[in-house]
Amino acid sequence: MSLITIWHNPRCSKSRAAIEILEKNNCETEVVKYLEINPDETQIKSILKMLGISPRELMRTKEDIYKELNLKDIKSEEKLIEAMAQNPKLIERPIIIKNAEAIIGRPTEKIAEFLNL
């Protein structure tokens, strides 16, 4: 099986559940604690391309920082990407990447389907 990368937040129950699925299925996994590494704009754009979604679709719109930065009124995709790079807590999780394709692992049932488990 190919190497699987997960953008992981250990404090998130869905993210921890995703790790459990990967471990249970003996998946070779690279865990990226994205809140610690702060992905840059290029990395976020790459993830967006793999996911096939817009920046806003990748954002956690219920986070306090989303409201504090008044991001609901921002139309510029570049500004939204910049906000995620500066505040990675805004990035939806977990993100599972395999062979240059990605999904957001919510609900977690999507993970097994994506990985053909």
PDB file of N, CA and C in Angstrom:
ATOM      1  N   MET A   1       0.835  -1.176   0.000  1.00  0.00           N
ATOM      2  CA  MET A   1       0.000   0.000   0.000  1.00  0.00           C
ATOM      3  C   MET A   1       0.882   1.242   0.000  1.00  0.00           C
ATOM      4  N   SER A   2       0.434   2.302  -0.648  1.00  0.00           N
ATOM      5  CA  SER A   2       1.167   3.558  -0.722  1.00  0.00           C
ATOM      6  C   SER A   2       1.213   4.247   0.636  1.00  0.00           C
ATOM      7  N   LEU A   3       2.197   5.116   0.784  1.00  0.00           N
ATOM      8  CA  LEU A   3       2.291   5.916   1.985  1.00  0.00           C
ATOM      9  C   LEU A   3       1.083   6.843   2.061  1.00  0.00           C
ATOM     10  N   ILE A   4       0.506   6.921   3.228  1.00  0.00           N
ATOM     11  CA  ILE A   4      -0.642   7.785   3.468  1.00  0.00           C
ATOM     12  C   ILE A   4      -0.189   8.884   4.412  1.00  0.00           C
ATOM     13  N   THR A   5      -0.565  10.102   4.095  1.00  0.00           N
ATOM     14  CA  THR A   5      -0.260  11.234   4.956  1.00  0.00           C
ATOM     15  C   THR A   5      -1.567  11.710   5.570  1.00  0.00           C
ATOM     16  N   ILE A   6      -1.510  12.042   6.847  1.00  0.00           N
ATOM     17  CA  ILE A   6      -2.684  12.599   7.513  1.00  0.00           C
ATOM     18  C   ILE A   6      -2.299  13.909   8.167  1.00  0.00           C
ATOM     19  N   TRP A   7      -3.070  14.958   7.871  1.00  0.00           N
ATOM     20  CA  TRP A   7      -2.945  16.213   8.598  1.00  0.00           C
ATOM     21  C   TRP A   7      -3.798  16.029   9.834  1.00  0.00           C
ATOM     22  N   HIS A   8      -3.143  15.998  10.981  1.00  0.00           N
ATOM     23  CA  HIS A   8      -3.737  15.517  12.223  1.00  0.00           C
ATOM     24  C   HIS A   8      -3.693  16.556  13.334  1.00  0.00           C
ATOM     25  N   ASN A   9      -4.785  16.623  14.083  1.00  0.00           N
ATOM     26  CA  ASN A   9      -4.839  17.406  15.309  1.00  0.00           C
ATOM     27  C   ASN A   9      -5.160  16.422  16.426  1.00  0.00           C
ATOM     28  N   PRO A  10      -4.200  16.106  17.295  1.00  0.00           N
ATOM     29  CA  PRO A  10      -4.411  15.113  18.346  1.00  0.00           C
ATOM     30  C   PRO A  10      -5.563  15.443  19.295  1.00  0.00           C
ATOM     31  N   ARG A  11      -5.978  16.692  19.365  1.00  0.00           N
ATOM     32  CA  ARG A  11      -7.072  17.080  20.257  1.00  0.00           C
ATOM     33  C   ARG A  11      -8.443  16.862  19.634  1.00  0.00           C
ATOM     34  N   CYS A  12      -8.490  16.520  18.359  1.00  0.00           N
ATOM     35  CA  CYS A  12      -9.752  16.342  17.637  1.00  0.00           C
ATOM     36  C   CYS A  12     -10.154  14.867  17.640  1.00  0.00           C
ATOM     37  N   SER A  13     -11.362  14.567  18.083  1.00  0.00           N
ATOM     38  CA  SER A  13     -11.821  13.172  18.153  1.00  0.00           C
ATOM     39  C   SER A  13     -11.908  12.530  16.767  1.00  0.00           C
ATOM     40  N   LYS A  14     -12.326  13.272  15.761  1.00  0.00           N
ATOM     41  CA  LYS A  14     -12.412  12.716  14.400  1.00  0.00           C
ATOM     42  C   LYS A  14     -11.011  12.425  13.858  1.00  0.00           C
ATOM     43  N   SER A  15     -10.078  13.277  14.177  1.00  0.00           N
ATOM     44  CA  SER A  15      -8.702  13.077  13.745  1.00  0.00           C
ATOM     45  C   SER A  15      -8.096  11.849  14.437  1.00  0.00           C
ATOM     46  N   ARG A  16      -8.350  11.710  15.729  1.00  0.00           N
ATOM     47  CA  ARG A  16      -7.871  10.529  16.451  1.00  0.00           C
ATOM     48  C   ARG A  16      -8.523   9.259  15.912  1.00  0.00           C
ATOM     49  N   ALA A  17      -9.803   9.334  15.566  1.00  0.00           N
ATOM     50  CA  ALA A  17     -10.487   8.176  14.987  1.00  0.00           C
ATOM     51  C   ALA A  17      -9.870   7.802  13.643  1.00  0.00           C
ATOM     52  N   ALA A  18      -9.483   8.792  12.865  1.00  0.00           N
ATOM     53  CA  ALA A  18      -8.827   8.535  11.573  1.00  0.00           C
ATOM     54  C   ALA A  18      -7.509   7.804  11.781  1.00  0.00           C
ATOM     55  N   ILE A  19      -6.724   8.237  12.766  1.00  0.00           N
ATOM     56  CA  ILE A  19      -5.453   7.568  13.085  1.00  0.00           C
ATOM     57  C   ILE A  19      -5.726   6.112  13.463  1.00  0.00           C
ATOM     58  N   GLU A  20      -6.756   5.872  14.254  1.00  0.00           N
ATOM     59  CA  GLU A  20      -7.098   4.504  14.652  1.00  0.00           C
ATOM     60  C   GLU A  20      -7.424   3.636  13.447  1.00  0.00           C
ATOM     61  N   ILE A  21      -8.172   4.175  12.500  1.00  0.00           N
ATOM     62  CA  ILE A  21      -8.515   3.429  11.282  1.00  0.00           C
ATOM     63  C   ILE A  21      -7.242   3.077  10.520  1.00  0.00           C
ATOM     64  N   LEU A  22      -6.348   4.039  10.374  1.00  0.00           N
ATOM     65  CA  LEU A  22      -5.101   3.800   9.649  1.00  0.00           C
ATOM     66  C   LEU A  22      -4.244   2.752  10.352  1.00  0.00           C
ATOM     67  N   GLU A  23      -4.143   2.857  11.674  1.00  0.00           N
ATOM     68  CA  GLU A  23      -3.339   1.891  12.432  1.00  0.00           C
ATOM     69  C   GLU A  23      -3.959   0.494  12.385  1.00  0.00           C
ATOM     70  N   LYS A  24      -5.261   0.421  12.534  1.00  0.00           N
ATOM     71  CA  LYS A  24      -5.970  -0.863  12.523  1.00  0.00           C
ATOM     72  C   LYS A  24      -5.758  -1.606  11.196  1.00  0.00           C
ATOM     73  N   ASN A  25      -5.612  -0.839  10.129  1.00  0.00           N
ATOM     74  CA  ASN A  25      -5.436  -1.428   8.806  1.00  0.00           C
ATOM     75  C   ASN A  25      -3.977  -1.472   8.372  1.00  0.00           C
ATOM     76  N   ASN A  26      -3.070  -1.285   9.339  1.00  0.00           N
ATOM     77  CA  ASN A  26      -1.626  -1.364   9.089  1.00  0.00           C
ATOM     78  C   ASN A  26      -1.164  -0.498   7.926  1.00  0.00           C
ATOM     79  N   CYS A  27      -1.721   0.695   7.841  1.00  0.00           N
ATOM     80  CA  CYS A  27      -1.349   1.626   6.786  1.00  0.00           C
ATOM     81  C   CYS A  27      -0.036   2.316   7.149  1.00  0.00           C
ATOM     82  N   GLU A  28       0.857   2.372   6.185  1.00  0.00           N
ATOM     83  CA  GLU A  28       2.104   3.117   6.376  1.00  0.00           C
ATOM     84  C   GLU A  28       1.738   4.597   6.339  1.00  0.00           C
ATOM     85  N   THR A  29       1.892   5.262   7.467  1.00  0.00           N
ATOM     86  CA  THR A  29       1.335   6.603   7.621  1.00  0.00           C
ATOM     87  C   THR A  29       2.372   7.611   8.081  1.00  0.00           C
ATOM     88  N   GLU A  30       2.344   8.769   7.444  1.00  0.00           N
ATOM     89  CA  GLU A  30       3.110   9.923   7.901  1.00  0.00           C
ATOM     90  C   GLU A  30       2.107  10.862   8.564  1.00  0.00           C
ATOM     91  N   VAL A  31       2.324  11.155   9.834  1.00  0.00           N
ATOM     92  CA  VAL A  31       1.433  12.032  10.585  1.00  0.00           C
ATOM     93  C   VAL A  31       2.016  13.439  10.588  1.00  0.00           C
ATOM     94  N   VAL A  32       1.235  14.377  10.084  1.00  0.00           N
ATOM     95  CA  VAL A  32       1.643  15.780  10.053  1.00  0.00           C
ATOM     96  C   VAL A  32       0.762  16.527  11.050  1.00  0.00           C
ATOM     97  N   LYS A  33       1.364  16.978  12.126  1.00  0.00           N
ATOM     98  CA  LYS A  33       0.632  17.772  13.111  1.00  0.00           C
ATOM     99  C   LYS A  33       0.632  19.216  12.621  1.00  0.00           C
ATOM    100  N   TYR A  34      -0.346  19.508  11.788  1.00  0.00           N
ATOM    101  CA  TYR A  34      -0.350  20.764  11.047  1.00  0.00           C
ATOM    102  C   TYR A  34      -0.478  22.001  11.934  1.00  0.00           C
ATOM    103  N   LEU A  35      -0.974  21.843  13.148  1.00  0.00           N
ATOM    104  CA  LEU A  35      -1.039  22.991  14.049  1.00  0.00           C
ATOM    105  C   LEU A  35       0.343  23.365  14.568  1.00  0.00           C
ATOM    106  N   GLU A  36       1.262  22.406  14.521  1.00  0.00           N
ATOM    107  CA  GLU A  36       2.635  22.658  14.976  1.00  0.00           C
ATOM    108  C   GLU A  36       3.543  23.140  13.855  1.00  0.00           C
ATOM    109  N   ILE A  37       3.311  22.653  12.636  1.00  0.00           N
ATOM    110  CA  ILE A  37       4.205  23.020  11.528  1.00  0.00           C
ATOM    111  C   ILE A  37       3.743  24.239  10.749  1.00  0.00           C
ATOM    112  N   ASN A  38       2.491  24.643  10.949  1.00  0.00           N
ATOM    113  CA  ASN A  38       1.916  25.770  10.207  1.00  0.00           C
ATOM    114  C   ASN A  38       2.173  25.658   8.697  1.00  0.00           C
ATOM    115  N   PRO A  39       1.341  24.918   7.994  1.00  0.00           N
ATOM    116  CA  PRO A  39       1.533  24.802   6.540  1.00  0.00           C
ATOM    117  C   PRO A  39       1.502  26.178   5.876  1.00  0.00           C
ATOM    118  N   ASP A  40       2.351  26.332   4.869  1.00  0.00           N
ATOM    119  CA  ASP A  40       2.394  27.613   4.178  1.00  0.00           C
ATOM    120  C   ASP A  40       1.323  27.658   3.084  1.00  0.00           C
ATOM    121  N   GLU A  41       1.226  28.792   2.435  1.00  0.00           N
ATOM    122  CA  GLU A  41       0.194  28.993   1.417  1.00  0.00           C
ATOM    123  C   GLU A  41       0.332  28.005   0.264  1.00  0.00           C
ATOM    124  N   THR A  42       1.555  27.684  -0.124  1.00  0.00           N
ATOM    125  CA  THR A  42       1.781  26.730  -1.214  1.00  0.00           C
ATOM    126  C   THR A  42       1.259  25.350  -0.833  1.00  0.00           C
ATOM    127  N   GLN A  43       1.522  24.924   0.397  1.00  0.00           N
ATOM    128  CA  GLN A  43       1.036  23.617   0.855  1.00  0.00           C
ATOM    129  C   GLN A  43      -0.488  23.595   0.907  1.00  0.00           C
ATOM    130  N   ILE A  44      -1.085  24.666   1.364  1.00  0.00           N
ATOM    131  CA  ILE A  44      -2.551  24.731   1.432  1.00  0.00           C
ATOM    132  C   ILE A  44      -3.144  24.699   0.033  1.00  0.00           C
ATOM    133  N   LYS A  45      -2.545  25.424  -0.900  1.00  0.00           N
ATOM    134  CA  LYS A  45      -3.031  25.404  -2.290  1.00  0.00           C
ATOM    135  C   LYS A  45      -2.931  23.995  -2.871  1.00  0.00           C
ATOM    136  N   SER A  46      -1.852  23.299  -2.554  1.00  0.00           N
ATOM    137  CA  SER A  46      -1.678  21.924  -3.034  1.00  0.00           C
ATOM    138  C   SER A  46      -2.780  21.019  -2.482  1.00  0.00           C
ATOM    139  N   ILE A  47      -3.066  21.150  -1.196  1.00  0.00           N
ATOM    140  CA  ILE A  47      -4.137  20.358  -0.575  1.00  0.00           C
ATOM    141  C   ILE A  47      -5.480  20.689  -1.215  1.00  0.00           C
ATOM    142  N   LEU A  48      -5.742  21.964  -1.427  1.00  0.00           N
ATOM    143  CA  LEU A  48      -7.000  22.375  -2.056  1.00  0.00           C
ATOM    144  C   LEU A  48      -7.163  21.748  -3.441  1.00  0.00           C
ATOM    145  N   LYS A  49      -6.060  21.716  -4.193  1.00  0.00           N
ATOM    146  CA  LYS A  49      -6.102  21.127  -5.534  1.00  0.00           C
ATOM    147  C   LYS A  49      -6.412  19.624  -5.438  1.00  0.00           C
ATOM    148  N   MET A  50      -5.750  18.937  -4.487  1.00  0.00           N
ATOM    149  CA  MET A  50      -6.010  17.502  -4.315  1.00  0.00           C
ATOM    150  C   MET A  50      -7.447  17.242  -3.877  1.00  0.00           C
ATOM    151  N   LEU A  51      -7.967  18.104  -3.019  1.00  0.00           N
ATOM    152  CA  LEU A  51      -9.333  17.942  -2.527  1.00  0.00           C
ATOM    153  C   LEU A  51     -10.363  18.358  -3.567  1.00  0.00           C
ATOM    154  N   GLY A  52      -9.974  19.262  -4.460  1.00  0.00           N
ATOM    155  CA  GLY A  52     -10.913  19.765  -5.466  1.00  0.00           C
ATOM    156  C   GLY A  52     -11.986  20.650  -4.862  1.00  0.00           C
ATOM    157  N   ILE A  53     -11.601  21.444  -3.855  1.00  0.00           N
ATOM    158  CA  ILE A  53     -12.560  22.326  -3.195  1.00  0.00           C
ATOM    159  C   ILE A  53     -12.002  23.745  -3.121  1.00  0.00           C
ATOM    160  N   SER A  54     -12.876  24.661  -2.722  1.00  0.00           N
ATOM    161  CA  SER A  54     -12.471  26.059  -2.557  1.00  0.00           C
ATOM    162  C   SER A  54     -11.862  26.262  -1.174  1.00  0.00           C
ATOM    163  N   PRO A  55     -11.120  27.341  -0.989  1.00  0.00           N
ATOM    164  CA  PRO A  55     -10.556  27.617   0.334  1.00  0.00           C
ATOM    165  C   PRO A  55     -11.621  27.670   1.437  1.00  0.00           C
ATOM    166  N   ARG A  56     -12.751  28.282   1.165  1.00  0.00           N
ATOM    167  CA  ARG A  56     -13.776  28.385   2.199  1.00  0.00           C
ATOM    168  C   ARG A  56     -14.279  26.999   2.622  1.00  0.00           C
ATOM    169  N   GLU A  57     -14.344  26.066   1.686  1.00  0.00           N
ATOM    170  CA  GLU A  57     -14.798  24.707   2.015  1.00  0.00           C
ATOM    171  C   GLU A  57     -13.809  23.981   2.921  1.00  0.00           C
ATOM    172  N   LEU A  58     -12.582  24.427   2.954  1.00  0.00           N
ATOM    173  CA  LEU A  58     -11.563  23.827   3.811  1.00  0.00           C
ATOM    174  C   LEU A  58     -11.531  24.474   5.198  1.00  0.00           C
ATOM    175  N   MET A  59     -12.293  25.525   5.370  1.00  0.00           N
ATOM    176  CA  MET A  59     -12.225  26.288   6.612  1.00  0.00           C
ATOM    177  C   MET A  59     -13.242  25.821   7.650  1.00  0.00           C
ATOM    178  N   ARG A  60     -12.795  25.883   8.896  1.00  0.00           N
ATOM    179  CA  ARG A  60     -13.668  25.610  10.042  1.00  0.00           C
ATOM    180  C   ARG A  60     -14.347  26.930  10.398  1.00  0.00           C
ATOM    181  N   THR A  61     -15.529  27.131   9.851  1.00  0.00           N
ATOM    182  CA  THR A  61     -16.220  28.418   9.959  1.00  0.00           C
ATOM    183  C   THR A  61     -16.817  28.676  11.340  1.00  0.00           C
ATOM    184  N   LYS A  62     -16.820  27.673  12.194  1.00  0.00           N
ATOM    185  CA  LYS A  62     -17.364  27.877  13.545  1.00  0.00           C
ATOM    186  C   LYS A  62     -16.282  28.233  14.566  1.00  0.00           C
ATOM    187  N   GLU A  63     -15.030  28.259  14.136  1.00  0.00           N
ATOM    188  CA  GLU A  63     -13.936  28.636  15.038  1.00  0.00           C
ATOM    189  C   GLU A  63     -14.050  30.127  15.396  1.00  0.00           C
ATOM    190  N   ASP A  64     -13.702  30.449  16.623  1.00  0.00           N
ATOM    191  CA  ASP A  64     -13.741  31.845  17.070  1.00  0.00           C
ATOM    192  C   ASP A  64     -12.878  32.737  16.184  1.00  0.00           C
ATOM    193  N   ILE A  65     -11.711  32.236  15.772  1.00  0.00           N
ATOM    194  CA  ILE A  65     -10.795  33.040  14.960  1.00  0.00           C
ATOM    195  C   ILE A  65     -11.426  33.404  13.612  1.00  0.00           C
ATOM    196  N   TYR A  66     -12.284  32.536  13.082  1.00  0.00           N
ATOM    197  CA  TYR A  66     -12.999  32.817  11.830  1.00  0.00           C
ATOM    198  C   TYR A  66     -13.859  34.070  12.012  1.00  0.00           C
ATOM    199  N   LYS A  67     -14.551  34.116  13.127  1.00  0.00           N
ATOM    200  CA  LYS A  67     -15.418  35.262  13.414  1.00  0.00           C
ATOM    201  C   LYS A  67     -14.590  36.499  13.743  1.00  0.00           C
ATOM    202  N   GLU A  68     -13.533  36.316  14.536  1.00  0.00           N
ATOM    203  CA  GLU A  68     -12.681  37.442  14.931  1.00  0.00           C
ATOM    204  C   GLU A  68     -12.052  38.134  13.718  1.00  0.00           C
ATOM    205  N   LEU A  69     -11.662  37.341  12.733  1.00  0.00           N
ATOM    206  CA  LEU A  69     -11.042  37.890  11.521  1.00  0.00           C
ATOM    207  C   LEU A  69     -12.075  38.333  10.487  1.00  0.00           C
ATOM    208  N   ASN A  70     -13.361  38.141  10.812  1.00  0.00           N
ATOM    209  CA  ASN A  70     -14.459  38.520   9.924  1.00  0.00           C
ATOM    210  C   ASN A  70     -14.301  37.901   8.532  1.00  0.00           C
ATOM    211  N   LEU A  71     -13.938  36.617   8.503  1.00  0.00           N
ATOM    212  CA  LEU A  71     -13.636  35.944   7.235  1.00  0.00           C
ATOM    213  C   LEU A  71     -14.874  35.679   6.382  1.00  0.00           C
ATOM    214  N   LYS A  72     -16.048  35.700   6.972  1.00  0.00           N
ATOM    215  CA  LYS A  72     -17.257  35.434   6.171  1.00  0.00           C
ATOM    216  C   LYS A  72     -17.451  36.498   5.098  1.00  0.00           C
ATOM    217  N   ASP A  73     -16.907  37.678   5.319  1.00  0.00           N
ATOM    218  CA  ASP A  73     -17.049  38.767   4.355  1.00  0.00           C
ATOM    219  C   ASP A  73     -15.914  38.842   3.336  1.00  0.00           C
ATOM    220  N   ILE A  74     -14.906  37.987   3.485  1.00  0.00           N
ATOM    221  CA  ILE A  74     -13.760  37.998   2.570  1.00  0.00           C
ATOM    222  C   ILE A  74     -14.108  37.189   1.317  1.00  0.00           C
ATOM    223  N   LYS A  75     -13.960  37.799   0.171  1.00  0.00           N
ATOM    224  CA  LYS A  75     -14.257  37.123  -1.107  1.00  0.00           C
ATOM    225  C   LYS A  75     -12.991  36.553  -1.756  1.00  0.00           C
ATOM    226  N   SER A  76     -11.846  37.138  -1.454  1.00  0.00           N
ATOM    227  CA  SER A  76     -10.580  36.745  -2.079  1.00  0.00           C
ATOM    228  C   SER A  76     -10.113  35.376  -1.573  1.00  0.00           C
ATOM    229  N   GLU A  77      -9.963  34.428  -2.501  1.00  0.00           N
ATOM    230  CA  GLU A  77      -9.458  33.110  -2.126  1.00  0.00           C
ATOM    231  C   GLU A  77      -8.034  33.211  -1.590  1.00  0.00           C
ATOM    232  N   GLU A  78      -7.237  34.110  -2.151  1.00  0.00           N
ATOM    233  CA  GLU A  78      -5.867  34.310  -1.674  1.00  0.00           C
ATOM    234  C   GLU A  78      -5.853  34.754  -0.210  1.00  0.00           C
ATOM    235  N   LYS A  79      -6.760  35.637   0.150  1.00  0.00           N
ATOM    236  CA  LYS A  79      -6.835  36.125   1.537  1.00  0.00           C
ATOM    237  C   LYS A  79      -7.272  34.996   2.477  1.00  0.00           C
ATOM    238  N   LEU A  80      -8.175  34.132   2.016  1.00  0.00           N
ATOM    239  CA  LEU A  80      -8.620  33.008   2.841  1.00  0.00           C
ATOM    240  C   LEU A  80      -7.472  32.014   3.050  1.00  0.00           C
ATOM    241  N   ILE A  81      -6.717  31.759   1.994  1.00  0.00           N
ATOM    242  CA  ILE A  81      -5.557  30.864   2.097  1.00  0.00           C
ATOM    243  C   ILE A  81      -4.520  31.467   3.042  1.00  0.00           C
ATOM    244  N   GLU A  82      -4.293  32.750   2.916  1.00  0.00           N
ATOM    245  CA  GLU A  82      -3.353  33.451   3.796  1.00  0.00           C
ATOM    246  C   GLU A  82      -3.811  33.329   5.255  1.00  0.00           C
ATOM    247  N   ALA A  83      -5.097  33.469   5.492  1.00  0.00           N
ATOM    248  CA  ALA A  83      -5.631  33.354   6.854  1.00  0.00           C
ATOM    249  C   ALA A  83      -5.405  31.948   7.410  1.00  0.00           C
ATOM    250  N   MET A  84      -5.580  30.923   6.576  1.00  0.00           N
ATOM    251  CA  MET A  84      -5.344  29.552   7.037  1.00  0.00           C
ATOM    252  C   MET A  84      -3.872  29.313   7.329  1.00  0.00           C
ATOM    253  N   ALA A  85      -2.995  29.882   6.511  1.00  0.00           N
ATOM    254  CA  ALA A  85      -1.559  29.724   6.736  1.00  0.00           C
ATOM    255  C   ALA A  85      -1.149  30.390   8.051  1.00  0.00           C
ATOM    256  N   GLN A  86      -1.747  31.513   8.345  1.00  0.00           N
ATOM    257  CA  GLN A  86      -1.424  32.235   9.580  1.00  0.00           C
ATOM    258  C   GLN A  86      -2.140  31.653  10.799  1.00  0.00           C
ATOM    259  N   ASN A  87      -3.258  30.971  10.565  1.00  0.00           N
ATOM    260  CA  ASN A  87      -4.084  30.429  11.655  1.00  0.00           C
ATOM    261  C   ASN A  87      -4.522  29.010  11.284  1.00  0.00           C
ATOM    262  N   PRO A  88      -3.622  28.025  11.361  1.00  0.00           N
ATOM    263  CA  PRO A  88      -3.958  26.679  10.889  1.00  0.00           C
ATOM    264  C   PRO A  88      -5.130  26.035  11.619  1.00  0.00           C
ATOM    265  N   LYS A  89      -5.527  26.588  12.742  1.00  0.00           N
ATOM    266  CA  LYS A  89      -6.714  26.081  13.445  1.00  0.00           C
ATOM    267  C   LYS A  89      -7.957  26.201  12.563  1.00  0.00           C
ATOM    268  N   LEU A  90      -7.892  27.062  11.570  1.00  0.00           N
ATOM    269  CA  LEU A  90      -9.006  27.252  10.638  1.00  0.00           C
ATOM    270  C   LEU A  90      -9.165  26.096   9.653  1.00  0.00           C
ATOM    271  N   ILE A  91      -8.144  25.264   9.517  1.00  0.00           N
ATOM    272  CA  ILE A  91      -8.152  24.191   8.512  1.00  0.00           C
ATOM    273  C   ILE A  91      -8.952  23.003   9.031  1.00  0.00           C
ATOM    274  N   GLU A  92      -9.890  22.549   8.207  1.00  0.00           N
ATOM    275  CA  GLU A  92     -10.706  21.378   8.534  1.00  0.00           C
ATOM    276  C   GLU A  92      -9.814  20.161   8.678  1.00  0.00           C
ATOM    277  N   ARG A  93     -10.259  19.201   9.478  1.00  0.00           N
ATOM    278  CA  ARG A  93      -9.455  18.020   9.753  1.00  0.00           C
ATOM    279  C   ARG A  93     -10.330  16.806   9.946  1.00  0.00           C
ATOM    280  N   PRO A  94      -9.757  15.645   9.862  1.00  0.00           N
ATOM    281  CA  PRO A  94      -8.420  15.321   9.371  1.00  0.00           C
ATOM    282  C   PRO A  94      -8.400  15.300   7.842  1.00  0.00           C
ATOM    283  N   ILE A  95      -7.248  15.554   7.284  1.00  0.00           N
ATOM    284  CA  ILE A  95      -7.066  15.453   5.837  1.00  0.00           C
ATOM    285  C   ILE A  95      -6.207  14.216   5.586  1.00  0.00           C
ATOM    286  N   ILE A  96      -6.710  13.331   4.738  1.00  0.00           N
ATOM    287  CA  ILE A  96      -6.015  12.096   4.392  1.00  0.00           C
ATOM    288  C   ILE A  96      -5.535  12.224   2.947  1.00  0.00           C
ATOM    289  N   ILE A  97      -4.245  11.954   2.722  1.00  0.00           N
ATOM    290  CA  ILE A  97      -3.644  12.109   1.388  1.00  0.00           C
ATOM    291  C   ILE A  97      -3.021  10.790   0.967  1.00  0.00           C
ATOM    292  N   LYS A  98      -3.322  10.398  -0.260  1.00  0.00           N
ATOM    293  CA  LYS A  98      -2.738   9.189  -0.835  1.00  0.00           C
ATOM    294  C   LYS A  98      -2.649   9.384  -2.351  1.00  0.00           C
ATOM    295  N   ASN A  99      -1.463   9.130  -2.899  1.00  0.00           N
ATOM    296  CA  ASN A  99      -1.259   9.198  -4.348  1.00  0.00           C
ATOM    297  C   ASN A  99      -1.774  10.508  -4.960  1.00  0.00           C
ATOM    298  N   ALA A 100      -1.427  11.627  -4.359  1.00  0.00           N
ATOM    299  CA  ALA A 100      -1.795  12.958  -4.862  1.00  0.00           C
ATOM    300  C   ALA A 100      -3.298  13.192  -4.899  1.00  0.00           C
ATOM    301  N   GLU A 101      -4.034  12.435  -4.119  1.00  0.00           N
ATOM    302  CA  GLU A 101      -5.460  12.665  -3.931  1.00  0.00           C
ATOM    303  C   GLU A 101      -5.698  12.825  -2.443  1.00  0.00           C
ATOM    304  N   ALA A 102      -6.754  13.534  -2.087  1.00  0.00           N
ATOM    305  CA  ALA A 102      -7.011  13.770  -0.670  1.00  0.00           C
ATOM    306  C   ALA A 102      -8.506  13.817  -0.392  1.00  0.00           C
ATOM    307  N   ILE A 103      -8.828  13.571   0.880  1.00  0.00           N
ATOM    308  CA  ILE A 103     -10.192  13.749   1.369  1.00  0.00           C
ATOM    309  C   ILE A 103     -10.120  14.376   2.758  1.00  0.00           C
ATOM    310  N   ILE A 104     -11.216  14.983   3.141  1.00  0.00           N
ATOM    311  CA  ILE A 104     -11.399  15.362   4.535  1.00  0.00           C
ATOM    312  C   ILE A 104     -12.118  14.178   5.163  1.00  0.00           C
ATOM    313  N   GLY A 105     -11.535  13.610   6.202  1.00  0.00           N
ATOM    314  CA  GLY A 105     -12.041  12.368   6.798  1.00  0.00           C
ATOM    315  C   GLY A 105     -13.227  12.547   7.716  1.00  0.00           C
ATOM    316  N   ARG A 106     -14.242  13.248   7.260  1.00  0.00           N
ATOM    317  CA  ARG A 106     -15.490  13.443   7.987  1.00  0.00           C
ATOM    318  C   ARG A 106     -16.636  13.141   7.050  1.00  0.00           C
ATOM    319  N   PRO A 107     -17.507  12.265   7.370  1.00  0.00           N
ATOM    320  CA  PRO A 107     -17.429  11.345   8.493  1.00  0.00           C
ATOM    321  C   PRO A 107     -16.306  10.330   8.277  1.00  0.00           C
ATOM    322  N   THR A 108     -15.898   9.673   9.340  1.00  0.00           N
ATOM    323  CA  THR A 108     -14.744   8.771   9.259  1.00  0.00           C
ATOM    324  C   THR A 108     -14.983   7.596   8.313  1.00  0.00           C
ATOM    325  N   GLU A 109     -16.216   7.270   8.022  1.00  0.00           N
ATOM    326  CA  GLU A 109     -16.518   6.179   7.083  1.00  0.00           C
ATOM    327  C   GLU A 109     -15.929   6.460   5.699  1.00  0.00           C
ATOM    328  N   LYS A 110     -15.742   7.716   5.373  1.00  0.00           N
ATOM    329  CA  LYS A 110     -15.164   8.084   4.080  1.00  0.00           C
ATOM    330  C   LYS A 110     -13.726   7.592   3.937  1.00  0.00           C
ATOM    331  N   ILE A 111     -13.030   7.434   5.072  1.00  0.00           N
ATOM    332  CA  ILE A 111     -11.613   7.074   5.030  1.00  0.00           C
ATOM    333  C   ILE A 111     -11.410   5.680   4.452  1.00  0.00           C
ATOM    334  N   ALA A 112     -12.146   4.696   4.959  1.00  0.00           N
ATOM    335  CA  ALA A 112     -12.017   3.314   4.465  1.00  0.00           C
ATOM    336  C   ALA A 112     -12.349   3.246   2.983  1.00  0.00           C
ATOM    337  N   GLU A 113     -13.369   3.939   2.574  1.00  0.00           N
ATOM    338  CA  GLU A 113     -13.762   3.955   1.158  1.00  0.00           C
ATOM    339  C   GLU A 113     -12.648   4.565   0.294  1.00  0.00           C
ATOM    340  N   PHE A 114     -12.096   5.689   0.744  1.00  0.00           N
ATOM    341  CA  PHE A 114     -11.032   6.367   0.026  1.00  0.00           C
ATOM    342  C   PHE A 114      -9.791   5.494  -0.123  1.00  0.00           C
ATOM    343  N   LEU A 115      -9.475   4.752   0.934  1.00  0.00           N
ATOM    344  CA  LEU A 115      -8.272   3.919   0.946  1.00  0.00           C
ATOM    345  C   LEU A 115      -8.511   2.507   0.411  1.00  0.00           C
ATOM    346  N   ASN A 116      -9.759   2.232   0.017  1.00  0.00           N
ATOM    347  CA  ASN A 116     -10.134   0.898  -0.473  1.00  0.00           C
ATOM    348  C   ASN A 116      -9.842  -0.184   0.558  1.00  0.00           C
ATOM    349  N   LEU A 117     -10.244   0.045   1.805  1.00  0.00           N
ATOM    350  CA  LEU A 117     -10.012  -0.913   2.880  1.00  0.00           C
ATOM    351  C   LEU A 117     -11.179  -1.873   3.000  1.00  0.00           C
TER     352      LEU A 117
END
